[in-house]
Amino acid sequence: EMFAQAAQNEQARVDQMTLAGEPVAIKLWL
């Protein structure tokens, strides 16, 4: 709920690192 509201307000971001299309690391930002 919190992240959806923040994302709607353009106040959330998700950064990802993938290897051969598979996630290796993911970071959530507010």
PDB file of all heavy atoms in Angstrom:
ATOM      1  N   GLU A   1       0.828  -1.203   0.000  1.00  0.00           N
ATOM      2  CA  GLU A   1       0.000   0.000   0.000  1.00  0.00           C
ATOM      3  C   GLU A   1       0.867   1.259   0.000  1.00  0.00           C
ATOM      4  O   GLU A   1       0.640   2.187  -0.790  1.00  0.00           O
ATOM      5  CB  GLU A   1      -0.916   0.012   1.221  1.00  0.00           C
ATOM      6  CG  GLU A   1      -1.775   1.265   1.306  1.00  0.00           C
ATOM      7  CD  GLU A   1      -2.686   1.287   2.518  1.00  0.00           C
ATOM      8  OE1 GLU A   1      -3.113   0.198   2.967  1.00  0.00           O
ATOM      9  OE2 GLU A   1      -2.988   2.393   3.026  1.00  0.00           O
ATOM     10  N   MET A   2       1.857   1.295   0.873  1.00  0.00           N
ATOM     11  CA  MET A   2       2.710   2.477   0.971  1.00  0.00           C
ATOM     12  C   MET A   2       3.480   2.721  -0.320  1.00  0.00           C
ATOM     13  O   MET A   2       3.525   3.835  -0.841  1.00  0.00           O
ATOM     14  CB  MET A   2       3.680   2.293   2.143  1.00  0.00           C
ATOM     15  CG  MET A   2       4.671   3.434   2.360  1.00  0.00           C
ATOM     16  SD  MET A   2       6.169   3.329   1.327  1.00  0.00           S
ATOM     17  CE  MET A   2       6.933   1.844   2.005  1.00  0.00           C
ATOM     18  N   PHE A   3       4.058   1.651  -0.865  1.00  0.00           N
ATOM     19  CA  PHE A   3       4.887   1.807  -2.053  1.00  0.00           C
ATOM     20  C   PHE A   3       4.047   2.174  -3.276  1.00  0.00           C
ATOM     21  O   PHE A   3       4.482   2.966  -4.129  1.00  0.00           O
ATOM     22  CB  PHE A   3       5.680   0.523  -2.312  1.00  0.00           C
ATOM     23  CG  PHE A   3       6.959   0.747  -3.058  1.00  0.00           C
ATOM     24  CD1 PHE A   3       8.090   1.218  -2.415  1.00  0.00           C
ATOM     25  CD2 PHE A   3       7.042   0.476  -4.417  1.00  0.00           C
ATOM     26  CE1 PHE A   3       9.276   1.425  -3.097  1.00  0.00           C
ATOM     27  CE2 PHE A   3       8.220   0.676  -5.114  1.00  0.00           C
ATOM     28  CZ  PHE A   3       9.342   1.150  -4.453  1.00  0.00           C
ATOM     29  N   ALA A   4       2.841   1.635  -3.345  1.00  0.00           N
ATOM     30  CA  ALA A   4       1.958   1.971  -4.467  1.00  0.00           C
ATOM     31  C   ALA A   4       1.590   3.446  -4.444  1.00  0.00           C
ATOM     32  O   ALA A   4       1.572   4.112  -5.486  1.00  0.00           O
ATOM     33  CB  ALA A   4       0.705   1.102  -4.419  1.00  0.00           C
ATOM     34  N   GLN A   5       1.300   3.969  -3.246  1.00  0.00           N
ATOM     35  CA  GLN A   5       0.946   5.385  -3.136  1.00  0.00           C
ATOM     36  C   GLN A   5       2.149   6.256  -3.469  1.00  0.00           C
ATOM     37  O   GLN A   5       2.032   7.263  -4.173  1.00  0.00           O
ATOM     38  CB  GLN A   5       0.447   5.698  -1.728  1.00  0.00           C
ATOM     39  CG  GLN A   5      -0.049   7.116  -1.544  1.00  0.00           C
ATOM     40  CD  GLN A   5      -1.216   7.456  -2.459  1.00  0.00           C
ATOM     41  OE1 GLN A   5      -2.250   6.801  -2.417  1.00  0.00           O
ATOM     42  NE2 GLN A   5      -1.055   8.468  -3.298  1.00  0.00           N
ATOM     43  N   ALA A   6       3.322   5.872  -2.970  1.00  0.00           N
ATOM     44  CA  ALA A   6       4.533   6.636  -3.268  1.00  0.00           C
ATOM     45  C   ALA A   6       4.829   6.607  -4.764  1.00  0.00           C
ATOM     46  O   ALA A   6       5.216   7.624  -5.358  1.00  0.00           O
ATOM     47  CB  ALA A   6       5.710   6.079  -2.472  1.00  0.00           C
ATOM     48  N   ALA A   7       4.654   5.449  -5.395  1.00  0.00           N
ATOM     49  CA  ALA A   7       4.903   5.338  -6.831  1.00  0.00           C
ATOM     50  C   ALA A   7       3.931   6.203  -7.620  1.00  0.00           C
ATOM     51  O   ALA A   7       4.321   6.856  -8.599  1.00  0.00           O
ATOM     52  CB  ALA A   7       4.797   3.879  -7.267  1.00  0.00           C
ATOM     53  N   GLN A   8       2.689   6.212  -7.201  1.00  0.00           N
ATOM     54  CA  GLN A   8       1.693   7.044  -7.880  1.00  0.00           C
ATOM     55  C   GLN A   8       2.066   8.523  -7.791  1.00  0.00           C
ATOM     56  O   GLN A   8       1.811   9.297  -8.717  1.00  0.00           O
ATOM     57  CB  GLN A   8       0.309   6.808  -7.257  1.00  0.00           C
ATOM     58  CG  GLN A   8      -0.809   7.594  -7.920  1.00  0.00           C
ATOM     59  CD  GLN A   8      -2.161   7.302  -7.287  1.00  0.00           C
ATOM     60  OE1 GLN A   8      -2.379   6.253  -6.683  1.00  0.00           O
ATOM     61  NE2 GLN A   8      -3.092   8.236  -7.415  1.00  0.00           N
ATOM     62  N   ASN A   9       2.685   8.904  -6.682  1.00  0.00           N
ATOM     63  CA  ASN A   9       3.105  10.293  -6.477  1.00  0.00           C
ATOM     64  C   ASN A   9       4.494  10.575  -7.060  1.00  0.00           C
ATOM     65  O   ASN A   9       5.057  11.644  -6.801  1.00  0.00           O
ATOM     66  CB  ASN A   9       3.120  10.615  -4.981  1.00  0.00           C
ATOM     67  CG  ASN A   9       1.747  10.530  -4.351  1.00  0.00           C
ATOM     68  OD1 ASN A   9       0.731  10.632  -5.033  1.00  0.00           O
ATOM     69  ND2 ASN A   9       1.710  10.327  -3.037  1.00  0.00           N
ATOM     70  N   GLU A  10       5.044   9.611  -7.803  1.00  0.00           N
ATOM     71  CA  GLU A  10       6.387   9.721  -8.379  1.00  0.00           C
ATOM     72  C   GLU A  10       7.445   9.910  -7.298  1.00  0.00           C
ATOM     73  O   GLU A  10       8.427  10.628  -7.464  1.00  0.00           O
ATOM     74  CB  GLU A  10       6.461  10.872  -9.398  1.00  0.00           C
ATOM     75  CG  GLU A  10       5.508  10.690 -10.579  1.00  0.00           C
ATOM     76  CD  GLU A  10       5.617  11.804 -11.601  1.00  0.00           C
ATOM     77  OE1 GLU A  10       6.198  12.862 -11.272  1.00  0.00           O
ATOM     78  OE2 GLU A  10       5.131  11.616 -12.723  1.00  0.00           O
ATOM     79  N   GLN A  11       7.234   9.223  -6.170  1.00  0.00           N
ATOM     80  CA  GLN A  11       8.159   9.298  -5.050  1.00  0.00           C
ATOM     81  C   GLN A  11       8.702   7.925  -4.675  1.00  0.00           C
ATOM     82  O   GLN A  11       9.086   7.682  -3.523  1.00  0.00           O
ATOM     83  CB  GLN A  11       7.467   9.940  -3.833  1.00  0.00           C
ATOM     84  CG  GLN A  11       6.988  11.362  -4.055  1.00  0.00           C
ATOM     85  CD  GLN A  11       8.132  12.325  -4.319  1.00  0.00           C
ATOM     86  OE1 GLN A  11       9.188  12.234  -3.702  1.00  0.00           O
ATOM     87  NE2 GLN A  11       7.944  13.245  -5.249  1.00  0.00           N
ATOM     88  N   ALA A  12       8.724   7.012  -5.640  1.00  0.00           N
ATOM     89  CA  ALA A  12       9.284   5.679  -5.421  1.00  0.00           C
ATOM     90  C   ALA A  12      10.006   5.238  -6.685  1.00  0.00           C
ATOM     91  O   ALA A  12       9.624   5.617  -7.796  1.00  0.00           O
ATOM     92  CB  ALA A  12       8.190   4.671  -5.068  1.00  0.00           C
ATOM     93  N   ARG A  13      11.040   4.436  -6.511  1.00  0.00           N
ATOM     94  CA  ARG A  13      11.828   3.946  -7.638  1.00  0.00           C
ATOM     95  C   ARG A  13      12.393   2.576  -7.298  1.00  0.00           C
ATOM     96  O   ARG A  13      12.688   2.297  -6.135  1.00  0.00           O
ATOM     97  CB  ARG A  13      12.972   4.926  -7.920  1.00  0.00           C
ATOM     98  CG  ARG A  13      13.683   4.708  -9.255  1.00  0.00           C
ATOM     99  CD  ARG A  13      14.815   5.706  -9.440  1.00  0.00           C
ATOM    100  NE  ARG A  13      16.073   5.240  -8.880  1.00  0.00           N
ATOM    101  CZ  ARG A  13      16.937   6.009  -8.228  1.00  0.00           C
ATOM    102  NH1 ARG A  13      16.662   7.289  -8.022  1.00  0.00           N
ATOM    103  NH2 ARG A  13      18.061   5.509  -7.761  1.00  0.00           N
ATOM    104  N   VAL A  14      12.522   1.736  -8.302  1.00  0.00           N
ATOM    105  CA  VAL A  14      13.131   0.420  -8.111  1.00  0.00           C
ATOM    106  C   VAL A  14      14.278   0.282  -9.099  1.00  0.00           C
ATOM    107  O   VAL A  14      14.085   0.401 -10.314  1.00  0.00           O
ATOM    108  CB  VAL A  14      12.120  -0.718  -8.329  1.00  0.00           C
ATOM    109  CG1 VAL A  14      12.797  -2.072  -8.119  1.00  0.00           C
ATOM    110  CG2 VAL A  14      10.936  -0.574  -7.378  1.00  0.00           C
ATOM    111  N   ASP A  15      15.477   0.047  -8.584  1.00  0.00           N
ATOM    112  CA  ASP A  15      16.651  -0.181  -9.415  1.00  0.00           C
ATOM    113  C   ASP A  15      16.978  -1.674  -9.393  1.00  0.00           C
ATOM    114  O   ASP A  15      16.891  -2.324  -8.342  1.00  0.00           O
ATOM    115  CB  ASP A  15      17.846   0.613  -8.901  1.00  0.00           C
ATOM    116  CG  ASP A  15      17.636   2.120  -9.030  1.00  0.00           C
ATOM    117  OD1 ASP A  15      16.669   2.534  -9.703  1.00  0.00           O
ATOM    118  OD2 ASP A  15      18.429   2.876  -8.439  1.00  0.00           O
ATOM    119  N   GLN A  16      17.368  -2.206 -10.547  1.00  0.00           N
ATOM    120  CA  GLN A  16      17.634  -3.638 -10.639  1.00  0.00           C
ATOM    121  C   GLN A  16      18.942  -3.917 -11.373  1.00  0.00           C
ATOM    122  O   GLN A  16      19.320  -3.191 -12.287  1.00  0.00           O
ATOM    123  CB  GLN A  16      16.499  -4.356 -11.370  1.00  0.00           C
ATOM    124  CG  GLN A  16      15.145  -4.236 -10.698  1.00  0.00           C
ATOM    125  CD  GLN A  16      14.118  -5.183 -11.282  1.00  0.00           C
ATOM    126  OE1 GLN A  16      14.368  -6.374 -11.424  1.00  0.00           O
ATOM    127  NE2 GLN A  16      12.948  -4.658 -11.623  1.00  0.00           N
ATOM    128  N   MET A  17      19.579  -4.985 -10.949  1.00  0.00           N
ATOM    129  CA  MET A  17      20.763  -5.534 -11.619  1.00  0.00           C
ATOM    130  C   MET A  17      20.403  -6.960 -12.019  1.00  0.00           C
ATOM    131  O   MET A  17      20.010  -7.775 -11.172  1.00  0.00           O
ATOM    132  CB  MET A  17      21.958  -5.529 -10.656  1.00  0.00           C
ATOM    133  CG  MET A  17      23.176  -6.275 -11.138  1.00  0.00           C
ATOM    134  SD  MET A  17      24.450  -6.273  -9.820  1.00  0.00           S
ATOM    135  CE  MET A  17      25.675  -7.370 -10.538  1.00  0.00           C
ATOM    136  N   THR A  18      20.480  -7.269 -13.315  1.00  0.00           N
ATOM    137  CA  THR A  18      20.113  -8.600 -13.784  1.00  0.00           C
ATOM    138  C   THR A  18      21.263  -9.225 -14.552  1.00  0.00           C
ATOM    139  O   THR A  18      22.093  -8.538 -15.155  1.00  0.00           O
ATOM    140  CB  THR A  18      18.868  -8.551 -14.696  1.00  0.00           C
ATOM    141  OG1 THR A  18      19.160  -7.728 -15.834  1.00  0.00           O
ATOM    142  CG2 THR A  18      17.665  -7.982 -13.954  1.00  0.00           C
ATOM    143  N   LEU A  19      21.305 -10.544 -14.526  1.00  0.00           N
ATOM    144  CA  LEU A  19      22.296 -11.310 -15.275  1.00  0.00           C
ATOM    145  C   LEU A  19      21.550 -12.335 -16.109  1.00  0.00           C
ATOM    146  O   LEU A  19      20.816 -13.170 -15.568  1.00  0.00           O
ATOM    147  CB  LEU A  19      23.275 -12.012 -14.327  1.00  0.00           C
ATOM    148  CG  LEU A  19      24.379 -12.841 -14.998  1.00  0.00           C
ATOM    149  CD1 LEU A  19      25.290 -11.956 -15.841  1.00  0.00           C
ATOM    150  CD2 LEU A  19      25.200 -13.594 -13.942  1.00  0.00           C
ATOM    151  N   ALA A  20      21.685 -12.226 -17.414  1.00  0.00           N
ATOM    152  CA  ALA A  20      20.960 -13.100 -18.350  1.00  0.00           C
ATOM    153  C   ALA A  20      19.460 -13.039 -18.072  1.00  0.00           C
ATOM    154  O   ALA A  20      18.743 -14.043 -18.146  1.00  0.00           O
ATOM    155  CB  ALA A  20      21.473 -14.533 -18.252  1.00  0.00           C
ATOM    156  N   GLY A  21      18.991 -11.850 -17.736  1.00  0.00           N
ATOM    157  CA  GLY A  21      17.566 -11.637 -17.518  1.00  0.00           C
ATOM    158  C   GLY A  21      17.053 -11.992 -16.137  1.00  0.00           C
ATOM    159  O   GLY A  21      15.883 -11.738 -15.822  1.00  0.00           O
ATOM    160  N   GLU A  22      17.902 -12.552 -15.287  1.00  0.00           N
ATOM    161  CA  GLU A  22      17.491 -12.946 -13.936  1.00  0.00           C
ATOM    162  C   GLU A  22      17.991 -11.925 -12.914  1.00  0.00           C
ATOM    163  O   GLU A  22      19.136 -11.472 -12.997  1.00  0.00           O
ATOM    164  CB  GLU A  22      18.035 -14.324 -13.585  1.00  0.00           C
ATOM    165  CG  GLU A  22      17.459 -15.448 -14.422  1.00  0.00           C
ATOM    166  CD  GLU A  22      15.954 -15.586 -14.235  1.00  0.00           C
ATOM    167  OE1 GLU A  22      15.490 -15.485 -13.077  1.00  0.00           O
ATOM    168  OE2 GLU A  22      15.249 -15.780 -15.239  1.00  0.00           O
ATOM    169  N   PRO A  23      17.133 -11.541 -11.925  1.00  0.00           N
ATOM    170  CA  PRO A  23      17.543 -10.531 -10.938  1.00  0.00           C
ATOM    171  C   PRO A  23      18.681 -11.016 -10.042  1.00  0.00           C
ATOM    172  O   PRO A  23      18.646 -12.129  -9.522  1.00  0.00           O
ATOM    173  CB  PRO A  23      16.267 -10.285 -10.132  1.00  0.00           C
ATOM    174  CG  PRO A  23      15.439 -11.511 -10.322  1.00  0.00           C
ATOM    175  CD  PRO A  23      15.752 -12.007 -11.704  1.00  0.00           C
ATOM    176  N   VAL A  24      19.690 -10.170  -9.918  1.00  0.00           N
ATOM    177  CA  VAL A  24      20.816 -10.455  -9.025  1.00  0.00           C
ATOM    178  C   VAL A  24      20.742  -9.555  -7.797  1.00  0.00           C
ATOM    179  O   VAL A  24      21.047  -9.976  -6.680  1.00  0.00           O
ATOM    180  CB  VAL A  24      22.159 -10.238  -9.757  1.00  0.00           C
ATOM    181  CG1 VAL A  24      23.328 -10.435  -8.804  1.00  0.00           C
ATOM    182  CG2 VAL A  24      22.272 -11.201 -10.932  1.00  0.00           C
ATOM    183  N   ALA A  25      20.313  -8.304  -7.987  1.00  0.00           N
ATOM    184  CA  ALA A  25      20.148  -7.371  -6.866  1.00  0.00           C
ATOM    185  C   ALA A  25      19.040  -6.382  -7.216  1.00  0.00           C
ATOM    186  O   ALA A  25      18.899  -5.982  -8.379  1.00  0.00           O
ATOM    187  CB  ALA A  25      21.445  -6.634  -6.571  1.00  0.00           C
ATOM    188  N   ILE A  26      18.267  -6.008  -6.210  1.00  0.00           N
ATOM    189  CA  ILE A  26      17.175  -5.053  -6.394  1.00  0.00           C
ATOM    190  C   ILE A  26      17.166  -4.093  -5.208  1.00  0.00           C
ATOM    191  O   ILE A  26      17.306  -4.521  -4.060  1.00  0.00           O
ATOM    192  CB  ILE A  26      15.797  -5.756  -6.490  1.00  0.00           C
ATOM    193  CG1 ILE A  26      15.789  -6.754  -7.645  1.00  0.00           C
ATOM    194  CG2 ILE A  26      14.680  -4.724  -6.671  1.00  0.00           C
ATOM    195  CD1 ILE A  26      14.496  -7.545  -7.767  1.00  0.00           C
ATOM    196  N   LYS A  27      17.002  -2.814  -5.494  1.00  0.00           N
ATOM    197  CA  LYS A  27      16.981  -1.799  -4.440  1.00  0.00           C
ATOM    198  C   LYS A  27      15.712  -0.958  -4.561  1.00  0.00           C
ATOM    199  O   LYS A  27      15.374  -0.483  -5.651  1.00  0.00           O
ATOM    200  CB  LYS A  27      18.213  -0.899  -4.521  1.00  0.00           C
ATOM    201  CG  LYS A  27      18.400  -0.004  -3.296  1.00  0.00           C
ATOM    202  CD  LYS A  27      19.767   0.636  -3.288  1.00  0.00           C
ATOM    203  CE  LYS A  27      20.015   1.378  -1.972  1.00  0.00           C
ATOM    204  NZ  LYS A  27      20.098   0.467  -0.825  1.00  0.00           N
ATOM    205  N   LEU A  28      15.023  -0.778  -3.432  1.00  0.00           N
ATOM    206  CA  LEU A  28      13.819   0.049  -3.364  1.00  0.00           C
ATOM    207  C   LEU A  28      14.185   1.424  -2.830  1.00  0.00           C
ATOM    208  O   LEU A  28      14.867   1.537  -1.811  1.00  0.00           O
ATOM    209  CB  LEU A  28      12.774  -0.590  -2.438  1.00  0.00           C
ATOM    210  CG  LEU A  28      12.355  -2.033  -2.725  1.00  0.00           C
ATOM    211  CD1 LEU A  28      11.289  -2.470  -1.738  1.00  0.00           C
ATOM    212  CD2 LEU A  28      11.879  -2.211  -4.160  1.00  0.00           C
ATOM    213  N   TRP A  29      13.704   2.451  -3.516  1.00  0.00           N
ATOM    214  CA  TRP A  29      13.965   3.829  -3.116  1.00  0.00           C
ATOM    215  C   TRP A  29      12.654   4.563  -2.834  1.00  0.00           C
ATOM    216  O   TRP A  29      11.655   4.342  -3.515  1.00  0.00           O
ATOM    217  CB  TRP A  29      14.696   4.584  -4.225  1.00  0.00           C
ATOM    218  CG  TRP A  29      16.082   4.116  -4.499  1.00  0.00           C
ATOM    219  CD1 TRP A  29      16.462   3.122  -5.355  1.00  0.00           C
ATOM    220  CD2 TRP A  29      17.291   4.623  -3.921  1.00  0.00           C
ATOM    221  NE1 TRP A  29      17.826   2.973  -5.346  1.00  0.00           N
ATOM    222  CE2 TRP A  29      18.365   3.881  -4.476  1.00  0.00           C
ATOM    223  CE3 TRP A  29      17.568   5.626  -2.996  1.00  0.00           C
ATOM    224  CZ2 TRP A  29      19.693   4.128  -4.141  1.00  0.00           C
ATOM    225  CZ3 TRP A  29      18.896   5.863  -2.659  1.00  0.00           C
ATOM    226  CH2 TRP A  29      19.935   5.123  -3.220  1.00  0.00           C
ATOM    227  N   LEU A  30      12.686   5.441  -1.844  1.00  0.00           N
ATOM    228  CA  LEU A  30      11.600   6.373  -1.577  1.00  0.00           C
ATOM    229  C   LEU A  30      12.158   7.785  -1.672  1.00  0.00           C
ATOM    230  O   LEU A  30      13.356   8.001  -1.478  1.00  0.00           O
ATOM    231  CB  LEU A  30      11.002   6.134  -0.183  1.00  0.00           C
ATOM    232  CG  LEU A  30      10.342   4.775   0.049  1.00  0.00           C
ATOM    233  CD1 LEU A  30       9.961   4.619   1.516  1.00  0.00           C
ATOM    234  CD2 LEU A  30       9.129   4.599  -0.845  1.00  0.00           C
TER     235      LEU A  30
END
